[in-house]
Amino acid sequence: MIKQIITLATLVIIEALHTRFFMIIFAFLLTGFGIVSFVGQIAIIETVAYQSSLLAAFLRLSAIYIISLFVIVSMVNEFNNNAIHLWLSLPMKRATYLIGKFSGFMLIACIIAILFGLSLFILVPYSQAGLWTFSLFCELLIIAALSLLCVFTFHNTIQALSAVIAFYILARSIYSIQLVAQNLLNSSQSWSDYFIAKFIYLLSIILPNLEQFTQSDWLTYYSGEIIDLLQITAQTIIYVILLISMSMFDLYRKNL
């Protein structure tokens, strides 16, 4: 079982090399540094703070886009060329196949986080850049697990990617949406506003609070602490296990 998982994870890395995946990563890095250099020329005060926060935001969005698109395209190709049927025709459990593929995606997420995180070490203290890097890795793990689930659900690149983007935007902004809904409820007593506020509160419980992840404030004000690391790790473990379990349930119920 362990050898099968390692084999599947290795094949994911080989696929990334063959598709020139890492060239895309370096292209985003060069683009980020180009934007930062431009900001450095026009910023009058707090140049480093502006550069680090802008670079962090750009790299975070780029990393989310890269990992979600890679996972979705890779798995859609598995279905289209019947590679998944070939793997499952071998003496291999479906759980082994899923864990092996996710292990490969986890390695890809780790590489992205490290490469993007290293680019911030020249602008901010190592402790804050390290915290940001680890947080980005955790965020990418959640998105990779979600992308895997969406592929098993939709089997379509556009639908799966749209679902991942919608999830990410909602999870990133759910706290702000909840504050707006609470203010609306305080100023209005209608049943519709009450229902909307409670529905948003329910979403805030279900969704991970990605607003706590990879915060630009850590790089601007050096406010990252160990408690942030613990909260992020706990959320990541819970949601990755939940999403992988849902993917496994979906995979086992399919007639493949």
Foldseek 3Di string as FASTA:
>chain_A
DVVLLQVLLVVLVVVCVVVVLVVLLVVLVVVLVVVLVVQLVPDDPLSLLVSLLSSLVSLLVSLLVSLLLSLQVVVLVCVVVVVVVVVVVPPDDPLSNLSSNLSNSLVVLLVSLVVSLVVNVVRAPPVLSVQQSVLSSLVSSLLSLQSLLLCLVPSDSVRSVVVSVVLVVCLACLVVVLVVLVVVVVVDPDPVSVVVNVVSVVVNVVHHNSVLGNDSCCRNVVPDDVVSVVSSVVSSVVSSVVSSVSSSVSVVVDDD
